[in-house]
Amino acid sequence: MNRRGRLEAAVAGKPVDRVPVSAWGHFYVDELSADRFADRMLTFRQVYDWDIVKVHARASYHTEPFGYAFAPSDDPAKDHRMVKTPIAEPEDWLKLRPATLDHPAFLEQMKALELIRRGLPADVPLIMTVFTPLDVADKMLGRRAEILARHIREAPEAVAYGLSVIAATLEPFVRQLVAFGVDGVFTSTKWVNGAKLKPATYRSLTLPHDLCVLAPASGLPFNILHVCQNEVFLGGFADYPVTIMHWDDNGAHNPSLRMGRAMTRLAVSGGVGSPVLAAGSPEMVTEKAVNAIVENNGTGMMLAPGCSICTAATPTENLMALRQAPDKASELLGKALAA
């Protein structure tokens, strides 16, 4: 099978020659330049022969068009530092206005995508990261979740207005991505879990804005929804136009991939926690990955870290173990069938 066909079969729950596999994480220093970022993404895919490229773009590209500014990191293991945000008080959400696609942050991402696509084998799906509006709002506050939670409590209508402006900005960007030819959009939320919002509250606040952003991509084959952190709620996303659900199945009080697949009726992605990839041995990575694949009978899933990895702190040996695990699992499953 080629890479696209492998992922298509996994999404459809059909047999595969081996489970598709990929990994992603920030390259903080390189993501400041479209050319350097594209080169690094292409090299990262080629070294490990990942089945997809999930473009792990600079997270602040979502917020820079609204006046967010950062001090660039010169450390590959450390994120950039926020130096300016347009939001201080709840009423500031009412001051946001939609940005246009000619903003340098959007132009930079499109240039990087063009370079990446040009350098990829034709059968490698290209998937672009676009946050949900509430996650953009979170990032606009420098990931100070306690402030956003206070704003939601004190001024939910102001926050909802801010989300509508963010959605009105990102929706044309997603349309541009679809016209460009991406194979899917990777969207994520850190806000549907035991520590933040329950599904009903999340949907009440965010549903129209999430669906507005995703609507142009609804026909793409490989849209992925990542539900982040521990105690995640996977219910409540049945009407989202995604084909793959991704979460950290090794996180505290999180469902296994098999349970999540039964809950969502979607293909699933995960299998190995980022801490194991960063600090475990190759043998530990292999064990976790193979067990996840075997538990799912090698179908309906993509093997991946449960969340983004710290690329600068994750050993090459562990990433290679992740890449090789699907072949080892296929051998085990084949022997079990033969027996």
Protein backbone atom coordinates (compact mmCIF):
# COMPACT_ATOMS: atom_id res chain seq x y z
CA MET A 1 0.00 0.00 0.00
CA ASN A 2 1.17 3.55 -0.53
CA ARG A 3 0.93 6.06 2.29
CA ARG A 4 -2.32 7.70 1.20
CA GLY A 5 -4.00 4.37 0.58
CA ARG A 6 -2.84 3.12 3.98
CA LEU A 7 -4.40 6.09 5.77
CA GLU A 8 -7.59 5.85 3.69
CA ALA A 9 -7.96 2.22 4.70
CA ALA A 10 -7.29 3.02 8.36
CA VAL A 11 -9.94 5.75 8.35
CA ALA A 12 -12.42 3.34 6.77
CA GLY A 13 -11.62 0.58 9.27
CA LYS A 14 -10.32 -1.69 6.52
CA PRO A 15 -7.26 -3.97 6.65
CA VAL A 16 -3.85 -2.34 6.21
CA ASP A 17 -0.43 -3.78 5.50
CA ARG A 18 0.69 -1.97 8.64
CA VAL A 19 -0.79 0.76 10.82
CA PRO A 20 0.09 4.27 9.55
CA VAL A 21 2.39 6.21 11.88
CA SER A 22 3.55 9.78 12.34
CA ALA A 23 4.78 12.22 14.98
CA TRP A 24 4.86 16.00 15.31
CA GLY A 25 6.17 18.75 17.54
CA HIS A 26 7.49 22.29 17.44
CA PHE A 27 10.81 23.30 15.93
CA TYR A 28 10.84 26.61 17.78
CA VAL A 29 13.88 28.18 16.15
CA ASP A 30 13.13 26.99 12.62
CA GLU A 31 9.42 27.83 12.69
CA LEU A 32 10.28 31.55 12.56
CA SER A 33 11.11 31.32 8.84
CA ALA A 34 8.98 29.69 6.14
CA ASP A 35 12.05 28.38 4.32
CA ARG A 36 13.79 26.95 7.39
CA PHE A 37 10.54 25.52 8.72
CA ALA A 38 9.73 23.78 5.44
CA ASP A 39 13.23 22.31 5.26
CA ARG A 40 12.99 21.02 8.81
CA MET A 41 9.53 19.51 8.29
CA LEU A 42 10.68 17.73 5.13
CA THR A 43 13.82 16.40 6.79
CA PHE A 44 11.86 15.21 9.84
CA ARG A 45 9.45 13.28 7.63
CA GLN A 46 12.19 11.80 5.47
CA VAL A 47 14.38 10.61 8.34
CA TYR A 48 11.55 8.57 9.88
CA ASP A 49 9.47 7.94 6.74
CA TRP A 50 6.28 9.15 8.45
CA ASP A 51 3.06 8.34 6.65
CA ILE A 52 1.71 11.91 6.93
CA VAL A 53 3.06 15.39 7.46
CA LYS A 54 1.13 17.17 10.19
CA VAL A 55 2.38 20.74 9.83
CA HIS A 56 3.08 21.79 13.42
CA ALA A 57 3.17 25.48 12.64
CA ARG A 58 4.15 28.29 14.99
CA ALA A 59 1.13 28.42 17.29
CA SER A 60 1.01 32.21 17.40
CA TYR A 61 0.28 32.49 13.67
CA HIS A 62 -3.37 32.28 14.77
CA THR A 63 -3.03 35.26 17.13
CA GLU A 64 -0.52 37.58 15.46
CA PRO A 65 -3.16 39.04 13.08
CA PHE A 66 -5.01 40.36 16.15
CA GLY A 67 -2.05 42.20 17.66
CA TYR A 68 -0.41 39.45 19.68
CA ALA A 69 3.40 39.73 19.75
CA PHE A 70 6.15 37.48 21.05
CA ALA A 71 9.86 37.43 21.77
CA PRO A 72 11.37 34.70 19.56
CA SER A 73 13.03 31.76 21.24
CA ASP A 74 16.64 30.94 20.42
CA ASP A 75 16.39 27.65 22.32
CA PRO A 76 15.02 24.67 20.34
CA ALA A 77 13.52 23.28 23.55
CA LYS A 78 11.71 26.45 24.69
CA ASP A 79 8.61 28.18 23.35
CA HIS A 80 8.51 31.83 22.36
CA ARG A 81 7.55 34.33 25.06
CA MET A 82 4.48 36.52 24.83
CA VAL A 83 5.25 40.24 25.05
CA LYS A 84 1.93 41.75 23.96
CA THR A 85 -1.70 40.68 23.91
CA PRO A 86 -4.77 42.61 22.81
CA ILE A 87 -6.75 41.13 25.70
CA ALA A 88 -6.46 42.32 29.30
CA GLU A 89 -10.05 42.56 30.53
CA PRO A 90 -13.22 40.76 29.43
CA GLU A 91 -14.50 43.78 27.50
CA ASP A 92 -11.40 43.64 25.28
CA TRP A 93 -12.91 40.67 23.43
CA LEU A 94 -15.50 43.11 22.08
CA LYS A 95 -12.73 45.18 20.48
CA LEU A 96 -11.43 42.41 18.22
CA ARG A 97 -11.99 42.80 14.49
CA PRO A 98 -11.54 40.19 11.73
CA ALA A 99 -8.11 40.05 10.11
CA THR A 100 -7.45 39.47 6.43
CA LEU A 101 -5.48 36.80 4.59
CA ASP A 102 -2.80 39.27 3.54
CA HIS A 103 -1.45 39.42 7.09
CA PRO A 104 2.22 38.31 7.12
CA ALA A 105 1.50 35.43 9.51
CA PHE A 106 -0.95 33.85 7.06
CA LEU A 107 1.24 34.55 4.04
CA GLU A 108 4.17 32.91 5.82
CA GLN A 109 2.19 29.74 6.49
CA MET A 110 1.08 29.49 2.87
CA LYS A 111 4.65 29.90 1.66
CA ALA A 112 5.79 27.13 4.01
CA LEU A 113 3.00 24.85 2.78
CA GLU A 114 3.97 25.44 -0.84
CA LEU A 115 7.58 24.50 -0.08
CA ILE A 116 6.59 21.44 1.93
CA ARG A 117 4.18 20.16 -0.70
CA ARG A 118 6.79 20.67 -3.41
CA GLY A 119 9.28 18.55 -1.49
CA LEU A 120 6.95 15.73 -0.44
CA PRO A 121 6.41 12.43 -2.21
CA ALA A 122 3.06 12.59 -3.99
CA ASP A 123 1.46 9.94 -1.78
CA VAL A 124 2.17 11.66 1.57
CA PRO A 125 -0.93 13.42 2.92
CA LEU A 126 -0.37 17.02 4.04
CA ILE A 127 -2.37 18.14 7.06
CA MET A 128 -2.35 21.73 8.37
CA THR A 129 -2.88 22.78 11.98
CA VAL A 130 -5.71 25.24 12.64
CA PHE A 131 -6.72 25.73 16.28
CA THR A 132 -10.32 25.93 17.44
CA PRO A 133 -11.33 29.54 18.23
CA LEU A 134 -11.34 28.93 22.00
CA ASP A 135 -7.80 27.58 21.81
CA VAL A 136 -6.82 30.67 19.82
CA ALA A 137 -8.34 32.78 22.60
CA ASP A 138 -6.35 30.76 25.14
CA LYS A 139 -3.15 31.33 23.17
CA MET A 140 -3.95 35.04 22.89
CA LEU A 141 -3.68 35.17 26.68
CA GLY A 142 -0.36 33.34 26.70
CA ARG A 143 -2.03 30.05 27.70
CA ARG A 144 -3.07 31.56 31.02
CA ALA A 145 -6.14 29.38 31.27
CA GLU A 146 -7.23 30.82 34.60
CA ILE A 147 -7.72 34.26 33.01
CA LEU A 148 -9.76 32.89 30.12
CA ALA A 149 -11.84 30.82 32.55
CA ARG A 150 -12.56 33.99 34.55
CA HIS A 151 -13.57 35.85 31.40
CA ILE A 152 -15.92 33.01 30.44
CA ARG A 153 -17.53 33.15 33.88
CA GLU A 154 -17.78 36.95 34.08
CA ALA A 155 -18.52 37.89 30.46
CA PRO A 156 -19.51 34.86 28.35
CA GLU A 157 -21.16 37.06 25.71
CA ALA A 158 -17.99 39.11 25.25
CA VAL A 159 -15.90 35.95 24.92
CA ALA A 160 -18.42 34.51 22.46
CA TYR A 161 -18.14 37.68 20.38
CA GLY A 162 -14.35 37.32 20.38
CA LEU A 163 -14.71 33.72 19.26
CA SER A 164 -16.96 34.82 16.40
CA VAL A 165 -14.29 37.27 15.22
CA ILE A 166 -11.59 34.61 15.41
CA ALA A 167 -13.81 32.21 13.46
CA ALA A 168 -14.54 34.86 10.84
CA THR A 169 -10.79 35.26 10.39
CA LEU A 170 -9.88 31.57 10.28
CA GLU A 171 -12.73 30.43 8.02
CA PRO A 172 -11.31 32.17 4.91
CA PHE A 173 -7.88 30.80 5.80
CA VAL A 174 -9.27 27.26 5.86
CA ARG A 175 -10.96 27.92 2.52
CA GLN A 176 -7.57 28.97 1.19
CA LEU A 177 -6.01 25.77 2.56
CA VAL A 178 -8.65 23.66 0.81
CA ALA A 179 -8.10 25.51 -2.47
CA PHE A 180 -4.36 24.98 -2.06
CA GLY A 181 -4.89 21.24 -1.75
CA VAL A 182 -4.23 20.15 1.83
CA ASP A 183 -5.53 16.69 2.64
CA GLY A 184 -6.89 17.59 6.04
CA VAL A 185 -6.99 20.04 8.90
CA PHE A 186 -5.72 19.20 12.37
CA THR A 187 -7.73 21.12 14.95
CA SER A 188 -7.40 20.93 18.71
CA THR A 189 -8.96 21.93 21.98
CA LYS A 190 -7.55 21.99 25.50
CA TRP A 191 -10.93 22.93 26.94
CA VAL A 192 -13.07 19.76 27.03
CA ASN A 193 -11.80 17.90 30.08
CA GLY A 194 -12.36 17.49 33.79
CA ALA A 195 -10.28 20.54 34.67
CA LYS A 196 -12.02 22.99 32.33
CA LEU A 197 -15.36 22.70 30.53
CA LYS A 198 -17.83 19.85 30.28
CA PRO A 199 -19.08 19.02 26.76
CA ALA A 200 -22.44 20.78 27.12
CA THR A 201 -20.83 24.00 28.35
CA TYR A 202 -18.16 23.83 25.67
CA ARG A 203 -20.71 23.31 22.91
CA SER A 204 -22.92 26.13 24.18
CA LEU A 205 -20.00 28.54 24.00
CA THR A 206 -18.07 27.34 20.98
CA LEU A 207 -20.04 25.07 18.65
CA PRO A 208 -21.06 27.59 15.95
CA HIS A 209 -17.56 29.05 15.88
CA ASP A 210 -15.81 25.67 15.65
CA LEU A 211 -18.11 24.54 12.85
CA CYS A 212 -17.68 27.85 11.01
CA VAL A 213 -13.91 27.31 10.88
CA LEU A 214 -14.15 23.66 9.86
CA ALA A 215 -16.98 23.99 7.33
CA PRO A 216 -14.77 24.67 4.27
CA ALA A 217 -12.72 21.55 5.09
CA SER A 218 -15.73 19.27 5.63
CA GLY A 219 -15.05 17.33 2.43
CA LEU A 220 -11.40 16.58 3.15
CA PRO A 221 -10.52 12.95 3.90
CA PHE A 222 -8.15 13.34 6.84
CA ASN A 223 -9.45 15.94 9.27
CA ILE A 224 -8.17 15.27 12.78
CA LEU A 225 -9.57 16.53 16.10
CA HIS A 226 -7.15 16.50 19.03
CA VAL A 227 -8.71 16.64 22.51
CA CYS A 228 -5.89 17.63 24.80
CA GLN A 229 -4.85 16.93 28.40
CA ASN A 230 -6.28 14.52 31.02
CA GLU A 231 -9.85 13.50 31.88
CA VAL A 232 -10.91 14.28 28.32
CA PHE A 233 -14.50 14.11 27.15
CA LEU A 234 -14.68 12.60 23.67
CA GLY A 235 -18.46 12.84 23.41
CA GLY A 236 -20.10 15.87 21.93
CA PHE A 237 -18.17 15.95 18.66
CA ALA A 238 -20.43 13.77 16.51
CA ASP A 239 -21.35 16.70 14.27
CA TYR A 240 -17.76 17.84 13.72
CA PRO A 241 -16.50 17.10 10.19
CA VAL A 242 -13.51 15.01 11.26
CA THR A 243 -12.47 11.48 10.39
CA ILE A 244 -9.82 10.86 13.06
CA MET A 245 -10.04 11.48 16.81
CA HIS A 246 -6.72 12.00 18.58
CA TRP A 247 -5.99 12.20 22.32
CA ASP A 248 -3.47 10.98 24.89
CA ASP A 249 -4.82 7.53 25.63
CA ASN A 250 -2.06 7.19 28.25
CA GLY A 251 -3.17 10.33 30.10
CA ALA A 252 -4.79 10.15 33.53
CA HIS A 253 -8.43 9.04 33.40
CA ASN A 254 -8.44 9.05 29.60
CA PRO A 255 -10.08 6.26 27.57
CA SER A 256 -8.01 3.75 25.66
CA LEU A 257 -7.92 3.93 21.89
CA ARG A 258 -10.23 0.96 21.70
CA MET A 259 -12.74 2.61 24.06
CA GLY A 260 -12.51 5.90 22.21
CA ARG A 261 -13.13 4.22 18.89
CA ALA A 262 -16.27 2.59 20.29
CA MET A 263 -17.43 5.93 21.73
CA THR A 264 -16.84 8.05 18.63
CA ARG A 265 -17.20 5.55 15.76
CA LEU A 266 -14.19 7.27 14.20
CA ALA A 267 -10.69 6.17 13.41
CA VAL A 268 -8.41 6.99 16.32
CA SER A 269 -4.85 8.19 16.78
CA GLY A 270 -2.39 7.93 19.65
CA GLY A 271 -0.77 5.01 21.40
CA VAL A 272 2.41 6.33 23.04
CA GLY A 273 2.58 9.17 25.55
CA SER A 274 4.97 12.02 24.84
CA PRO A 275 6.72 11.54 28.23
CA VAL A 276 7.60 7.95 27.28
CA LEU A 277 8.96 9.12 23.95
CA ALA A 278 11.04 11.79 25.69
CA ALA A 279 12.33 9.87 28.69
CA GLY A 280 11.64 6.18 28.14
CA SER A 281 13.77 3.58 26.42
CA PRO A 282 13.24 2.39 22.85
CA GLU A 283 12.01 -0.89 24.32
CA MET A 284 9.35 0.95 26.32
CA VAL A 285 8.23 2.85 23.23
CA THR A 286 8.00 -0.37 21.24
CA GLU A 287 6.02 -2.13 23.97
CA LYS A 288 3.51 0.71 24.31
CA ALA A 289 3.08 1.10 20.55
CA VAL A 290 2.77 -2.59 19.74
CA ASN A 291 0.28 -3.13 22.57
CA ALA A 292 -1.89 -0.26 21.30
CA ILE A 293 -1.90 -1.66 17.78
CA VAL A 294 -2.61 -5.24 18.84
CA GLU A 295 -5.41 -4.10 21.16
CA ASN A 296 -7.08 -2.51 18.12
CA ASN A 297 -6.37 -5.51 15.86
CA GLY A 298 -4.30 -3.28 13.61
CA THR A 299 -7.30 -1.48 12.13
CA GLY A 300 -9.03 1.87 12.42
CA MET A 301 -6.07 3.73 13.87
CA MET A 302 -2.94 5.77 13.28
CA LEU A 303 -0.03 5.36 15.67
CA ALA A 304 1.22 8.69 17.03
CA PRO A 305 2.28 10.43 20.23
CA GLY A 306 -0.68 11.24 22.44
CA CYS A 307 0.25 14.91 22.18
CA SER A 308 2.95 16.92 20.46
CA ILE A 309 6.50 15.96 21.35
CA CYS A 310 9.34 18.20 22.42
CA THR A 311 11.40 17.53 19.32
CA ALA A 312 14.62 18.85 20.90
CA ALA A 313 14.30 16.50 23.87
CA THR A 314 13.04 13.32 22.18
CA PRO A 315 15.79 10.81 21.32
CA THR A 316 16.12 9.70 17.72
CA GLU A 317 16.19 6.09 18.92
CA ASN A 318 12.74 6.46 20.48
CA LEU A 319 11.23 8.03 17.39
CA MET A 320 12.73 5.26 15.28
CA ALA A 321 11.19 2.72 17.66
CA LEU A 322 7.82 4.41 17.17
CA ARG A 323 8.25 4.24 13.40
CA GLN A 324 9.21 0.56 13.42
CA ALA A 325 6.51 -0.57 15.86
CA PRO A 326 3.75 -1.02 13.22
CA ASP A 327 5.89 -3.55 11.34
CA LYS A 328 6.54 -5.50 14.55
CA ALA A 329 2.86 -5.41 15.45
CA SER A 330 1.93 -6.67 11.98
CA GLU A 331 4.23 -9.63 12.49
CA LEU A 332 2.55 -10.46 15.81
CA LEU A 333 -0.94 -10.11 14.38
CA GLY A 334 0.01 -12.25 11.40
CA LYS A 335 1.32 -15.01 13.67
CA ALA A 336 -1.84 -14.86 15.76
CA LEU A 337 -4.00 -15.28 12.66
CA ALA A 338 -1.84 -18.13 11.41
CA ALA A 339 -2.18 -19.92 14.72
